[in-house]
Amino acid sequence: MRKKLSEMDYGEEGVVKSIEGDLRNKVAGMGIRVGVRLKMATKQPIKGPVVVTVDRYSVSLGLGIADGIIVEVEE
């Protein structure tokens, strides 16, 4: 099932399927690119940042950025 990164639940894992054009360069430096596996670590309530684990590293993303990343979530 595909969903926005911001919609993932705690502990959910998936593979990045698409990233909005203008965000690609911004998140590439954080290790997030199409085809990369990541895991939702924490999610702050009410428009707070999300923290994902990518290749054993924790990456914090603003909600606006997380909305532009589509992930294929494992069920």
C-alpha atoms as a PDB file:
ATOM      1  CA  MET A   1       0.000   0.000   0.000  1.00  0.00           C
ATOM      2  CA  ARG A   2       1.331   3.450  -0.895  1.00  0.00           C
ATOM      3  CA  LYS A   3       1.080   6.403   1.437  1.00  0.00           C
ATOM      4  CA  LYS A   4       2.774   9.668   2.202  1.00  0.00           C
ATOM      5  CA  LEU A   5       5.714   9.441   4.562  1.00  0.00           C
ATOM      6  CA  SER A   6       3.831  11.736   6.935  1.00  0.00           C
ATOM      7  CA  GLU A   7       0.969   9.191   7.102  1.00  0.00           C
ATOM      8  CA  MET A   8       3.108   6.232   8.172  1.00  0.00           C
ATOM      9  CA  ASP A   9       2.532   4.742  11.618  1.00  0.00           C
ATOM     10  CA  TYR A  10       5.175   4.149  14.303  1.00  0.00           C
ATOM     11  CA  GLY A  11       7.426   1.241  13.436  1.00  0.00           C
ATOM     12  CA  GLU A  12       6.102   0.937   9.891  1.00  0.00           C
ATOM     13  CA  GLU A  13       8.687   0.186   7.207  1.00  0.00           C
ATOM     14  CA  GLY A  14       8.649   0.773   3.494  1.00  0.00           C
ATOM     15  CA  VAL A  15      10.512   1.673   0.321  1.00  0.00           C
ATOM     16  CA  VAL A  16      10.526   5.187  -1.138  1.00  0.00           C
ATOM     17  CA  LYS A  17       8.668   5.123  -4.476  1.00  0.00           C
ATOM     18  CA  SER A  18       8.574   8.806  -5.440  1.00  0.00           C
ATOM     19  CA  ILE A  19       9.717  12.216  -4.260  1.00  0.00           C
ATOM     20  CA  GLU A  20       8.305  15.530  -5.477  1.00  0.00           C
ATOM     21  CA  GLY A  21      10.728  17.123  -7.949  1.00  0.00           C
ATOM     22  CA  ASP A  22      11.802  20.125  -5.893  1.00  0.00           C
ATOM     23  CA  LEU A  23      12.426  17.981  -2.795  1.00  0.00           C
ATOM     24  CA  ARG A  24      14.698  15.393  -4.446  1.00  0.00           C
ATOM     25  CA  ASN A  25      17.936  17.326  -4.032  1.00  0.00           C
ATOM     26  CA  LYS A  26      17.019  18.489  -0.542  1.00  0.00           C
ATOM     27  CA  VAL A  27      16.451  15.002   0.869  1.00  0.00           C
ATOM     28  CA  ALA A  28      19.140  13.203  -1.171  1.00  0.00           C
ATOM     29  CA  GLY A  29      21.790  14.617   1.156  1.00  0.00           C
ATOM     30  CA  MET A  30      19.910  12.985   4.040  1.00  0.00           C
ATOM     31  CA  GLY A  31      20.111   9.579   2.362  1.00  0.00           C
ATOM     32  CA  ILE A  32      16.484   9.570   1.212  1.00  0.00           C
ATOM     33  CA  ARG A  33      16.084   8.654  -2.475  1.00  0.00           C
ATOM     34  CA  VAL A  34      13.806   6.492  -4.560  1.00  0.00           C
ATOM     35  CA  GLY A  35      14.413   2.817  -3.759  1.00  0.00           C
ATOM     36  CA  VAL A  36      15.725   3.386  -0.224  1.00  0.00           C
ATOM     37  CA  ARG A  37      14.167   1.441   2.661  1.00  0.00           C
ATOM     38  CA  LEU A  38      13.194   3.445   5.736  1.00  0.00           C
ATOM     39  CA  LYS A  39      11.356   3.009   9.028  1.00  0.00           C
ATOM     40  CA  MET A  40       9.148   5.477  10.925  1.00  0.00           C
ATOM     41  CA  ALA A  41      10.795   6.085  14.296  1.00  0.00           C
ATOM     42  CA  THR A  42       8.740   8.911  15.830  1.00  0.00           C
ATOM     43  CA  LYS A  43       6.076  11.353  14.826  1.00  0.00           C
ATOM     44  CA  GLN A  44       5.322  14.534  16.743  1.00  0.00           C
ATOM     45  CA  PRO A  45       1.661  15.492  17.132  1.00  0.00           C
ATOM     46  CA  ILE A  46       0.031  18.529  15.560  1.00  0.00           C
ATOM     47  CA  LYS A  47       2.223  19.348  12.568  1.00  0.00           C
ATOM     48  CA  GLY A  48       5.491  18.433  14.244  1.00  0.00           C
ATOM     49  CA  PRO A  49       8.440  16.765  12.517  1.00  0.00           C
ATOM     50  CA  VAL A  50       8.749  13.065  11.745  1.00  0.00           C
ATOM     51  CA  VAL A  51      11.881  11.038  12.424  1.00  0.00           C
ATOM     52  CA  VAL A  52      12.748   8.108  10.172  1.00  0.00           C
ATOM     53  CA  THR A  53      15.594   5.614  10.240  1.00  0.00           C
ATOM     54  CA  VAL A  54      17.555   5.318   6.990  1.00  0.00           C
ATOM     55  CA  ASP A  55      20.569   2.980   6.853  1.00  0.00           C
ATOM     56  CA  ARG A  56      20.899   3.001  10.679  1.00  0.00           C
ATOM     57  CA  TYR A  57      20.753   6.828  10.814  1.00  0.00           C
ATOM     58  CA  SER A  58      17.925   8.918  12.224  1.00  0.00           C
ATOM     59  CA  VAL A  59      16.683  11.713   9.979  1.00  0.00           C
ATOM     60  CA  SER A  60      14.232  14.406  11.071  1.00  0.00           C
ATOM     61  CA  LEU A  61      11.943  15.878   8.413  1.00  0.00           C
ATOM     62  CA  GLY A  62       9.383  18.641   8.564  1.00  0.00           C
ATOM     63  CA  LEU A  63       5.800  17.643   7.874  1.00  0.00           C
ATOM     64  CA  GLY A  64       5.740  19.561   4.575  1.00  0.00           C
ATOM     65  CA  ILE A  65       8.727  17.607   3.286  1.00  0.00           C
ATOM     66  CA  ALA A  66       7.314  14.293   4.535  1.00  0.00           C
ATOM     67  CA  ASP A  67       4.094  15.016   2.604  1.00  0.00           C
ATOM     68  CA  GLY A  68       6.097  15.085  -0.648  1.00  0.00           C
ATOM     69  CA  ILE A  69       7.556  11.586  -0.231  1.00  0.00           C
ATOM     70  CA  ILE A  70       5.516   8.532  -1.250  1.00  0.00           C
ATOM     71  CA  VAL A  71       6.392   5.194   0.348  1.00  0.00           C
ATOM     72  CA  GLU A  72       5.317   1.632  -0.482  1.00  0.00           C
ATOM     73  CA  VAL A  73       4.531   0.278   2.991  1.00  0.00           C
ATOM     74  CA  GLU A  74       4.854  -3.407   3.824  1.00  0.00           C
ATOM     75  CA  GLU A  75       1.728  -4.980   5.240  1.00  0.00           C
END
